[in-house]
Amino acid sequence: MSNFFRKLFHIESNKQPACKIDRGYVSEYTHFIDRFLEEHPEVLLEQHDGRLLYWDKRVDLVALEKAEQDRVSDDGYGFHSSAWHAAKH
């Protein structure tokens, strides 16, 4: 094993790593967002309502099954193959 990897991973060494990651660090952006949400709690309510409006939909399983049965099979090209093989007049 090269010296590079020995130094990098502190192999066969009792030395502590050169740097430690500060897990308590909070960025300026996170501070800003946290402060903004404390001052404007209505934003979280609007966000929740928007999610309900666009994402959390009730699914009508009967209508979904009917739509699947009414579906026309696709030929993979985005056009119906019957249109290409139609008889010419």
PDB file of N, CA and C in Angstrom:
ATOM      1  N   MET A   1       0.844  -1.173   0.000  1.00  0.00           N
ATOM      2  CA  MET A   1       0.000   0.000   0.000  1.00  0.00           C
ATOM      3  C   MET A   1       0.890   1.235   0.000  1.00  0.00           C
ATOM      4  N   SER A   2       0.515   2.223  -0.752  1.00  0.00           N
ATOM      5  CA  SER A   2       1.360   3.406  -0.867  1.00  0.00           C
ATOM      6  C   SER A   2       1.240   4.290   0.366  1.00  0.00           C
ATOM      7  N   ASN A   3       2.193   5.180   0.504  1.00  0.00           N
ATOM      8  CA  ASN A   3       2.172   6.125   1.625  1.00  0.00           C
ATOM      9  C   ASN A   3       0.964   7.049   1.555  1.00  0.00           C
ATOM     10  N   PHE A   4       0.518   7.335   0.326  1.00  0.00           N
ATOM     11  CA  PHE A   4      -0.642   8.213   0.153  1.00  0.00           C
ATOM     12  C   PHE A   4      -1.855   7.641   0.876  1.00  0.00           C
ATOM     13  N   PHE A   5      -2.131   6.346   0.641  1.00  0.00           N
ATOM     14  CA  PHE A   5      -3.296   5.735   1.272  1.00  0.00           C
ATOM     15  C   PHE A   5      -3.091   5.579   2.775  1.00  0.00           C
ATOM     16  N   ARG A   6      -1.873   5.330   3.186  1.00  0.00           N
ATOM     17  CA  ARG A   6      -1.603   5.231   4.626  1.00  0.00           C
ATOM     18  C   ARG A   6      -1.901   6.558   5.315  1.00  0.00           C
ATOM     19  N   LYS A   7      -1.479   7.647   4.695  1.00  0.00           N
ATOM     20  CA  LYS A   7      -1.743   8.968   5.279  1.00  0.00           C
ATOM     21  C   LYS A   7      -3.225   9.322   5.191  1.00  0.00           C
ATOM     22  N   LEU A   8      -3.837   8.990   4.073  1.00  0.00           N
ATOM     23  CA  LEU A   8      -5.239   9.342   3.855  1.00  0.00           C
ATOM     24  C   LEU A   8      -6.156   8.632   4.841  1.00  0.00           C
ATOM     25  N   PHE A   9      -5.951   7.346   5.026  1.00  0.00           N
ATOM     26  CA  PHE A   9      -6.833   6.563   5.882  1.00  0.00           C
ATOM     27  C   PHE A   9      -6.247   6.297   7.263  1.00  0.00           C
ATOM     28  N   HIS A  10      -5.091   6.884   7.556  1.00  0.00           N
ATOM     29  CA  HIS A  10      -4.438   6.751   8.862  1.00  0.00           C
ATOM     30  C   HIS A  10      -4.240   5.290   9.232  1.00  0.00           C
ATOM     31  N   ILE A  11      -3.796   4.512   8.279  1.00  0.00           N
ATOM     32  CA  ILE A  11      -3.564   3.096   8.513  1.00  0.00           C
ATOM     33  C   ILE A  11      -2.277   2.937   9.328  1.00  0.00           C
ATOM     34  N   GLU A  12      -2.339   2.040  10.312  1.00  0.00           N
ATOM     35  CA  GLU A  12      -1.201   1.748  11.174  1.00  0.00           C
ATOM     36  C   GLU A  12      -0.689   3.008  11.851  1.00  0.00           C
ATOM     37  N   SER A  13      -1.607   3.858  12.229  1.00  0.00           N
ATOM     38  CA  SER A  13      -1.221   5.097  12.890  1.00  0.00           C
ATOM     39  C   SER A  13      -2.166   5.338  14.047  1.00  0.00           C
ATOM     40  N   ASN A  14      -1.636   5.866  15.113  1.00  0.00           N
ATOM     41  CA  ASN A  14      -2.460   6.206  16.266  1.00  0.00           C
ATOM     42  C   ASN A  14      -2.867   7.668  16.243  1.00  0.00           C
ATOM     43  N   LYS A  15      -2.453   8.388  15.192  1.00  0.00           N
ATOM     44  CA  LYS A  15      -2.782   9.807  15.105  1.00  0.00           C
ATOM     45  C   LYS A  15      -4.262   9.980  14.792  1.00  0.00           C
ATOM     46  N   GLN A  16      -4.826  11.044  15.298  1.00  0.00           N
ATOM     47  CA  GLN A  16      -6.210  11.404  15.005  1.00  0.00           C
ATOM     48  C   GLN A  16      -6.273  11.987  13.591  1.00  0.00           C
ATOM     49  N   PRO A  17      -7.416  11.907  12.942  1.00  0.00           N
ATOM     50  CA  PRO A  17      -7.555  12.517  11.617  1.00  0.00           C
ATOM     51  C   PRO A  17      -7.231  14.007  11.669  1.00  0.00           C
ATOM     52  N   ALA A  18      -6.747  14.530  10.551  1.00  0.00           N
ATOM     53  CA  ALA A  18      -6.338  15.929  10.493  1.00  0.00           C
ATOM     54  C   ALA A  18      -7.505  16.881  10.711  1.00  0.00           C
ATOM     55  N   CYS A  19      -8.701  16.503  10.281  1.00  0.00           N
ATOM     56  CA  CYS A  19      -9.845  17.390  10.460  1.00  0.00           C
ATOM     57  C   CYS A  19     -11.062  16.569  10.855  1.00  0.00           C
ATOM     58  N   LYS A  20     -11.960  17.223  11.533  1.00  0.00           N
ATOM     59  CA  LYS A  20     -13.215  16.595  11.912  1.00  0.00           C
ATOM     60  C   LYS A  20     -14.349  17.367  11.259  1.00  0.00           C
ATOM     61  N   ILE A  21     -15.382  16.673  10.889  1.00  0.00           N
ATOM     62  CA  ILE A  21     -16.542  17.314  10.297  1.00  0.00           C
ATOM     63  C   ILE A  21     -17.422  17.831  11.426  1.00  0.00           C
ATOM     64  N   ASP A  22     -17.759  19.105  11.347  1.00  0.00           N
ATOM     65  CA  ASP A  22     -18.618  19.715  12.353  1.00  0.00           C
ATOM     66  C   ASP A  22     -20.066  19.401  12.009  1.00  0.00           C
ATOM     67  N   ARG A  23     -20.649  18.449  12.688  1.00  0.00           N
ATOM     68  CA  ARG A  23     -22.028  18.034  12.407  1.00  0.00           C
ATOM     69  C   ARG A  23     -23.040  19.062  12.905  1.00  0.00           C
ATOM     70  N   GLY A  24     -22.622  20.000  13.709  1.00  0.00           N
ATOM     71  CA  GLY A  24     -23.527  21.020  14.229  1.00  0.00           C
ATOM     72  C   GLY A  24     -23.624  22.238  13.333  1.00  0.00           C
ATOM     73  N   TYR A  25     -22.885  22.248  12.217  1.00  0.00           N
ATOM     74  CA  TYR A  25     -22.884  23.393  11.310  1.00  0.00           C
ATOM     75  C   TYR A  25     -24.243  23.562  10.649  1.00  0.00           C
ATOM     76  N   VAL A  26     -24.719  24.788  10.628  1.00  0.00           N
ATOM     77  CA  VAL A  26     -25.964  25.117   9.939  1.00  0.00           C
ATOM     78  C   VAL A  26     -25.661  26.287   9.012  1.00  0.00           C
ATOM     79  N   SER A  27     -25.994  26.137   7.748  1.00  0.00           N
ATOM     80  CA  SER A  27     -25.661  27.165   6.762  1.00  0.00           C
ATOM     81  C   SER A  27     -26.496  28.426   6.965  1.00  0.00           C
ATOM     82  N   GLU A  28     -26.036  29.509   6.344  1.00  0.00           N
ATOM     83  CA  GLU A  28     -26.768  30.776   6.404  1.00  0.00           C
ATOM     84  C   GLU A  28     -28.142  30.617   5.759  1.00  0.00           C
ATOM     85  N   TYR A  29     -28.196  29.857   4.698  1.00  0.00           N
ATOM     86  CA  TYR A  29     -29.468  29.623   4.014  1.00  0.00           C
ATOM     87  C   TYR A  29     -30.467  28.931   4.946  1.00  0.00           C
ATOM     88  N   THR A  30     -30.012  27.917   5.664  1.00  0.00           N
ATOM     89  CA  THR A  30     -30.900  27.205   6.589  1.00  0.00           C
ATOM     90  C   THR A  30     -31.370  28.133   7.696  1.00  0.00           C
ATOM     91  N   HIS A  31     -30.461  28.978   8.214  1.00  0.00           N
ATOM     92  CA  HIS A  31     -30.859  29.964   9.227  1.00  0.00           C
ATOM     93  C   HIS A  31     -31.930  30.889   8.665  1.00  0.00           C
ATOM     94  N   PHE A  32     -31.736  31.351   7.425  1.00  0.00           N
ATOM     95  CA  PHE A  32     -32.693  32.259   6.800  1.00  0.00           C
ATOM     96  C   PHE A  32     -34.065  31.598   6.664  1.00  0.00           C
ATOM     97  N   ILE A  33     -34.098  30.365   6.141  1.00  0.00           N
ATOM     98  CA  ILE A  33     -35.365  29.669   5.940  1.00  0.00           C
ATOM     99  C   ILE A  33     -36.056  29.406   7.271  1.00  0.00           C
ATOM    100  N   ASP A  34     -35.297  28.957   8.266  1.00  0.00           N
ATOM    101  CA  ASP A  34     -35.895  28.710   9.584  1.00  0.00           C
ATOM    102  C   ASP A  34     -36.495  29.976  10.167  1.00  0.00           C
ATOM    103  N   ARG A  35     -35.768  31.091  10.091  1.00  0.00           N
ATOM    104  CA  ARG A  35     -36.270  32.369  10.606  1.00  0.00           C
ATOM    105  C   ARG A  35     -37.495  32.830   9.812  1.00  0.00           C
ATOM    106  N   PHE A  36     -37.434  32.680   8.483  1.00  0.00           N
ATOM    107  CA  PHE A  36     -38.553  33.096   7.642  1.00  0.00           C
ATOM    108  C   PHE A  36     -39.819  32.308   7.985  1.00  0.00           C
ATOM    109  N   LEU A  37     -39.688  31.000   8.179  1.00  0.00           N
ATOM    110  CA  LEU A  37     -40.857  30.178   8.489  1.00  0.00           C
ATOM    111  C   LEU A  37     -41.405  30.463   9.877  1.00  0.00           C
ATOM    112  N   GLU A  38     -40.545  30.856  10.815  1.00  0.00           N
ATOM    113  CA  GLU A  38     -41.032  31.258  12.130  1.00  0.00           C
ATOM    114  C   GLU A  38     -41.846  32.540  12.036  1.00  0.00           C
ATOM    115  N   GLU A  39     -41.397  33.474  11.199  1.00  0.00           N
ATOM    116  CA  GLU A  39     -42.074  34.758  11.036  1.00  0.00           C
ATOM    117  C   GLU A  39     -43.299  34.662  10.132  1.00  0.00           C
ATOM    118  N   HIS A  40     -43.358  33.668   9.260  1.00  0.00           N
ATOM    119  CA  HIS A  40     -44.458  33.522   8.299  1.00  0.00           C
ATOM    120  C   HIS A  40     -45.005  32.093   8.337  1.00  0.00           C
ATOM    121  N   PRO A  41     -45.724  31.715   9.400  1.00  0.00           N
ATOM    122  CA  PRO A  41     -46.239  30.340   9.485  1.00  0.00           C
ATOM    123  C   PRO A  41     -47.295  30.033   8.423  1.00  0.00           C
ATOM    124  N   GLU A  42     -47.891  31.054   7.840  1.00  0.00           N
ATOM    125  CA  GLU A  42     -48.901  30.822   6.808  1.00  0.00           C
ATOM    126  C   GLU A  42     -48.301  30.173   5.564  1.00  0.00           C
ATOM    127  N   VAL A  43     -47.006  30.329   5.355  1.00  0.00           N
ATOM    128  CA  VAL A  43     -46.348  29.735   4.200  1.00  0.00           C
ATOM    129  C   VAL A  43     -46.429  28.214   4.281  1.00  0.00           C
ATOM    130  N   LEU A  44     -46.242  27.660   5.469  1.00  0.00           N
ATOM    131  CA  LEU A  44     -46.340  26.205   5.627  1.00  0.00           C
ATOM    132  C   LEU A  44     -47.759  25.715   5.357  1.00  0.00           C
ATOM    133  N   LEU A  45     -48.759  26.494   5.765  1.00  0.00           N
ATOM    134  CA  LEU A  45     -50.144  26.113   5.487  1.00  0.00           C
ATOM    135  C   LEU A  45     -50.435  26.155   3.987  1.00  0.00           C
ATOM    136  N   GLU A  46     -49.947  27.191   3.318  1.00  0.00           N
ATOM    137  CA  GLU A  46     -50.133  27.284   1.866  1.00  0.00           C
ATOM    138  C   GLU A  46     -49.416  26.144   1.154  1.00  0.00           C
ATOM    139  N   GLN A  47     -48.245  25.817   1.640  1.00  0.00           N
ATOM    140  CA  GLN A  47     -47.482  24.713   1.049  1.00  0.00           C
ATOM    141  C   GLN A  47     -48.235  23.396   1.210  1.00  0.00           C
ATOM    142  N   HIS A  48     -48.797  23.187   2.382  1.00  0.00           N
ATOM    143  CA  HIS A  48     -49.572  21.974   2.645  1.00  0.00           C
ATOM    144  C   HIS A  48     -50.806  21.915   1.746  1.00  0.00           C
ATOM    145  N   ASP A  49     -51.522  23.040   1.640  1.00  0.00           N
ATOM    146  CA  ASP A  49     -52.714  23.088   0.784  1.00  0.00           C
ATOM    147  C   ASP A  49     -52.356  22.842  -0.675  1.00  0.00           C
ATOM    148  N   GLY A  50     -51.232  23.399  -1.121  1.00  0.00           N
ATOM    149  CA  GLY A  50     -50.801  23.196  -2.500  1.00  0.00           C
ATOM    150  C   GLY A  50     -50.469  21.737  -2.776  1.00  0.00           C
ATOM    151  N   ARG A  51     -49.841  21.085  -1.812  1.00  0.00           N
ATOM    152  CA  ARG A  51     -49.529  19.666  -1.989  1.00  0.00           C
ATOM    153  C   ARG A  51     -50.808  18.855  -2.086  1.00  0.00           C
ATOM    154  N   LEU A  52     -51.784  19.180  -1.248  1.00  0.00           N
ATOM    155  CA  LEU A  52     -53.061  18.463  -1.313  1.00  0.00           C
ATOM    156  C   LEU A  52     -53.742  18.685  -2.657  1.00  0.00           C
ATOM    157  N   LEU A  53     -53.628  19.906  -3.174  1.00  0.00           N
ATOM    158  CA  LEU A  53     -54.274  20.243  -4.433  1.00  0.00           C
ATOM    159  C   LEU A  53     -53.670  19.494  -5.612  1.00  0.00           C
ATOM    160  N   TYR A  54     -52.332  19.417  -5.643  1.00  0.00           N
ATOM    161  CA  TYR A  54     -51.670  18.864  -6.824  1.00  0.00           C
ATOM    162  C   TYR A  54     -51.212  17.417  -6.694  1.00  0.00           C
ATOM    163  N   TRP A  55     -50.981  16.922  -5.479  1.00  0.00           N
ATOM    164  CA  TRP A  55     -50.377  15.610  -5.349  1.00  0.00           C
ATOM    165  C   TRP A  55     -51.279  14.581  -4.686  1.00  0.00           C
ATOM    166  N   ASP A  56     -51.914  14.935  -3.605  1.00  0.00           N
ATOM    167  CA  ASP A  56     -52.687  13.964  -2.839  1.00  0.00           C
ATOM    168  C   ASP A  56     -54.115  13.887  -3.373  1.00  0.00           C
ATOM    169  N   LYS A  57     -54.289  13.149  -4.433  1.00  0.00           N
ATOM    170  CA  LYS A  57     -55.592  13.014  -5.074  1.00  0.00           C
ATOM    171  C   LYS A  57     -56.222  11.681  -4.700  1.00  0.00           C
ATOM    172  N   ARG A  58     -57.516  11.688  -4.572  1.00  0.00           N
ATOM    173  CA  ARG A  58     -58.244  10.431  -4.394  1.00  0.00           C
ATOM    174  C   ARG A  58     -58.414   9.807  -5.779  1.00  0.00           C
ATOM    175  N   VAL A  59     -58.164   8.530  -5.867  1.00  0.00           N
ATOM    176  CA  VAL A  59     -58.216   7.841  -7.151  1.00  0.00           C
ATOM    177  C   VAL A  59     -59.528   7.080  -7.234  1.00  0.00           C
ATOM    178  N   ASP A  60     -60.275   7.316  -8.312  1.00  0.00           N
ATOM    179  CA  ASP A  60     -61.499   6.579  -8.575  1.00  0.00           C
ATOM    180  C   ASP A  60     -61.096   5.307  -9.324  1.00  0.00           C
ATOM    181  N   LEU A  61     -61.052   4.195  -8.614  1.00  0.00           N
ATOM    182  CA  LEU A  61     -60.552   2.946  -9.195  1.00  0.00           C
ATOM    183  C   LEU A  61     -61.444   2.423 -10.313  1.00  0.00           C
ATOM    184  N   VAL A  62     -62.748   2.645 -10.212  1.00  0.00           N
ATOM    185  CA  VAL A  62     -63.669   2.195 -11.261  1.00  0.00           C
ATOM    186  C   VAL A  62     -63.397   2.971 -12.546  1.00  0.00           C
ATOM    187  N   ALA A  63     -63.266   4.291 -12.446  1.00  0.00           N
ATOM    188  CA  ALA A  63     -62.986   5.106 -13.626  1.00  0.00           C
ATOM    189  C   ALA A  63     -61.614   4.771 -14.205  1.00  0.00           C
ATOM    190  N   LEU A  64     -60.650   4.482 -13.346  1.00  0.00           N
ATOM    191  CA  LEU A  64     -59.323   4.114 -13.810  1.00  0.00           C
ATOM    192  C   LEU A  64     -59.353   2.792 -14.575  1.00  0.00           C
ATOM    193  N   GLU A  65     -60.103   1.831 -14.077  1.00  0.00           N
ATOM    194  CA  GLU A  65     -60.215   0.548 -14.762  1.00  0.00           C
ATOM    195  C   GLU A  65     -60.921   0.702 -16.098  1.00  0.00           C
ATOM    196  N   LYS A  66     -61.971   1.527 -16.153  1.00  0.00           N
ATOM    197  CA  LYS A  66     -62.686   1.772 -17.399  1.00  0.00           C
ATOM    198  C   LYS A  66     -61.760   2.448 -18.416  1.00  0.00           C
ATOM    199  N   ALA A  67     -60.949   3.396 -17.952  1.00  0.00           N
ATOM    200  CA  ALA A  67     -60.019   4.077 -18.852  1.00  0.00           C
ATOM    201  C   ALA A  67     -58.989   3.089 -19.411  1.00  0.00           C
ATOM    202  N   GLU A  68     -58.540   2.159 -18.607  1.00  0.00           N
ATOM    203  CA  GLU A  68     -57.595   1.148 -19.090  1.00  0.00           C
ATOM    204  C   GLU A  68     -58.245   0.238 -20.130  1.00  0.00           C
ATOM    205  N   GLN A  69     -59.511  -0.104 -19.939  1.00  0.00           N
ATOM    206  CA  GLN A  69     -60.208  -0.966 -20.891  1.00  0.00           C
ATOM    207  C   GLN A  69     -60.482  -0.233 -22.195  1.00  0.00           C
ATOM    208  N   ASP A  70     -60.699   1.089 -22.125  1.00  0.00           N
ATOM    209  CA  ASP A  70     -61.002   1.876 -23.315  1.00  0.00           C
ATOM    210  C   ASP A  70     -59.753   2.310 -24.073  1.00  0.00           C
ATOM    211  N   ARG A  71     -58.604   1.984 -23.561  1.00  0.00           N
ATOM    212  CA  ARG A  71     -57.345   2.423 -24.139  1.00  0.00           C
ATOM    213  C   ARG A  71     -57.050   1.691 -25.439  1.00  0.00           C
ATOM    214  N   VAL A  72     -56.539   2.425 -26.424  1.00  0.00           N
ATOM    215  CA  VAL A  72     -56.141   1.844 -27.699  1.00  0.00           C
ATOM    216  C   VAL A  72     -54.677   1.472 -27.593  1.00  0.00           C
ATOM    217  N   SER A  73     -54.330   0.276 -28.019  1.00  0.00           N
ATOM    218  CA  SER A  73     -52.932  -0.154 -27.914  1.00  0.00           C
ATOM    219  C   SER A  73     -52.050   0.710 -28.816  1.00  0.00           C
ATOM    220  N   ASP A  74     -50.842   0.933 -28.372  1.00  0.00           N
ATOM    221  CA  ASP A  74     -49.894   1.787 -29.079  1.00  0.00           C
ATOM    222  C   ASP A  74     -48.931   0.907 -29.869  1.00  0.00           C
ATOM    223  N   ASP A  75     -48.522   1.365 -31.059  1.00  0.00           N
ATOM    224  CA  ASP A  75     -47.598   0.576 -31.865  1.00  0.00           C
ATOM    225  C   ASP A  75     -46.137   0.910 -31.566  1.00  0.00           C
ATOM    226  N   GLY A  76     -45.880   1.820 -30.657  1.00  0.00           N
ATOM    227  CA  GLY A  76     -44.518   2.153 -30.284  1.00  0.00           C
ATOM    228  C   GLY A  76     -43.941   3.335 -31.027  1.00  0.00           C
ATOM    229  N   TYR A  77     -44.585   3.777 -32.080  1.00  0.00           N
ATOM    230  CA  TYR A  77     -44.102   4.917 -32.840  1.00  0.00           C
ATOM    231  C   TYR A  77     -44.928   6.165 -32.586  1.00  0.00           C
ATOM    232  N   GLY A  78     -45.983   6.038 -31.830  1.00  0.00           N
ATOM    233  CA  GLY A  78     -46.824   7.190 -31.569  1.00  0.00           C
ATOM    234  C   GLY A  78     -47.922   7.361 -32.598  1.00  0.00           C
ATOM    235  N   PHE A  79     -47.948   6.503 -33.607  1.00  0.00           N
ATOM    236  CA  PHE A  79     -49.002   6.530 -34.615  1.00  0.00           C
ATOM    237  C   PHE A  79     -49.665   5.164 -34.617  1.00  0.00           C
ATOM    238  N   HIS A  80     -50.872   5.130 -35.043  1.00  0.00           N
ATOM    239  CA  HIS A  80     -51.569   3.841 -35.123  1.00  0.00           C
ATOM    240  C   HIS A  80     -51.220   3.163 -36.437  1.00  0.00           C
ATOM    241  N   SER A  81     -50.816   1.936 -36.339  1.00  0.00           N
ATOM    242  CA  SER A  81     -50.341   1.232 -37.533  1.00  0.00           C
ATOM    243  C   SER A  81     -51.453   1.066 -38.572  1.00  0.00           C
ATOM    244  N   SER A  82     -52.709   1.070 -38.155  1.00  0.00           N
ATOM    245  CA  SER A  82     -53.791   0.930 -39.126  1.00  0.00           C
ATOM    246  C   SER A  82     -53.831   2.098 -40.099  1.00  0.00           C
ATOM    247  N   ALA A  83     -53.359   3.268 -39.672  1.00  0.00           N
ATOM    248  CA  ALA A  83     -53.352   4.424 -40.552  1.00  0.00           C
ATOM    249  C   ALA A  83     -52.306   4.246 -41.660  1.00  0.00           C
ATOM    250  N   TRP A  84     -51.242   3.514 -41.403  1.00  0.00           N
ATOM    251  CA  TRP A  84     -50.199   3.310 -42.394  1.00  0.00           C
ATOM    252  C   TRP A  84     -50.584   2.235 -43.404  1.00  0.00           C
ATOM    253  N   HIS A  85     -51.419   1.311 -42.964  1.00  0.00           N
ATOM    254  CA  HIS A  85     -51.782   0.199 -43.826  1.00  0.00           C
ATOM    255  C   HIS A  85     -53.177   0.372 -44.439  1.00  0.00           C
ATOM    256  N   ALA A  86     -53.696   1.568 -44.368  1.00  0.00           N
ATOM    257  CA  ALA A  86     -55.039   1.813 -44.917  1.00  0.00           C
ATOM    258  C   ALA A  86     -55.006   1.650 -46.441  1.00  0.00           C
ATOM    259  N   ALA A  87     -56.105   1.181 -46.976  1.00  0.00           N
ATOM    260  CA  ALA A  87     -56.189   0.995 -48.440  1.00  0.00           C
ATOM    261  C   ALA A  87     -56.244   2.345 -49.115  1.00  0.00           C
ATOM    262  N   LYS A  88     -55.542   2.470 -50.234  1.00  0.00           N
ATOM    263  CA  LYS A  88     -55.548   3.736 -50.975  1.00  0.00           C
ATOM    264  C   LYS A  88     -56.714   3.710 -51.939  1.00  0.00           C
ATOM    265  N   HIS A  89     -57.323   4.851 -52.104  1.00  0.00           N
ATOM    266  CA  HIS A  89     -58.510   4.969 -52.992  1.00  0.00           C
ATOM    267  C   HIS A  89     -58.114   5.426 -54.336  1.00  0.00           C
TER     268      HIS A  89
END
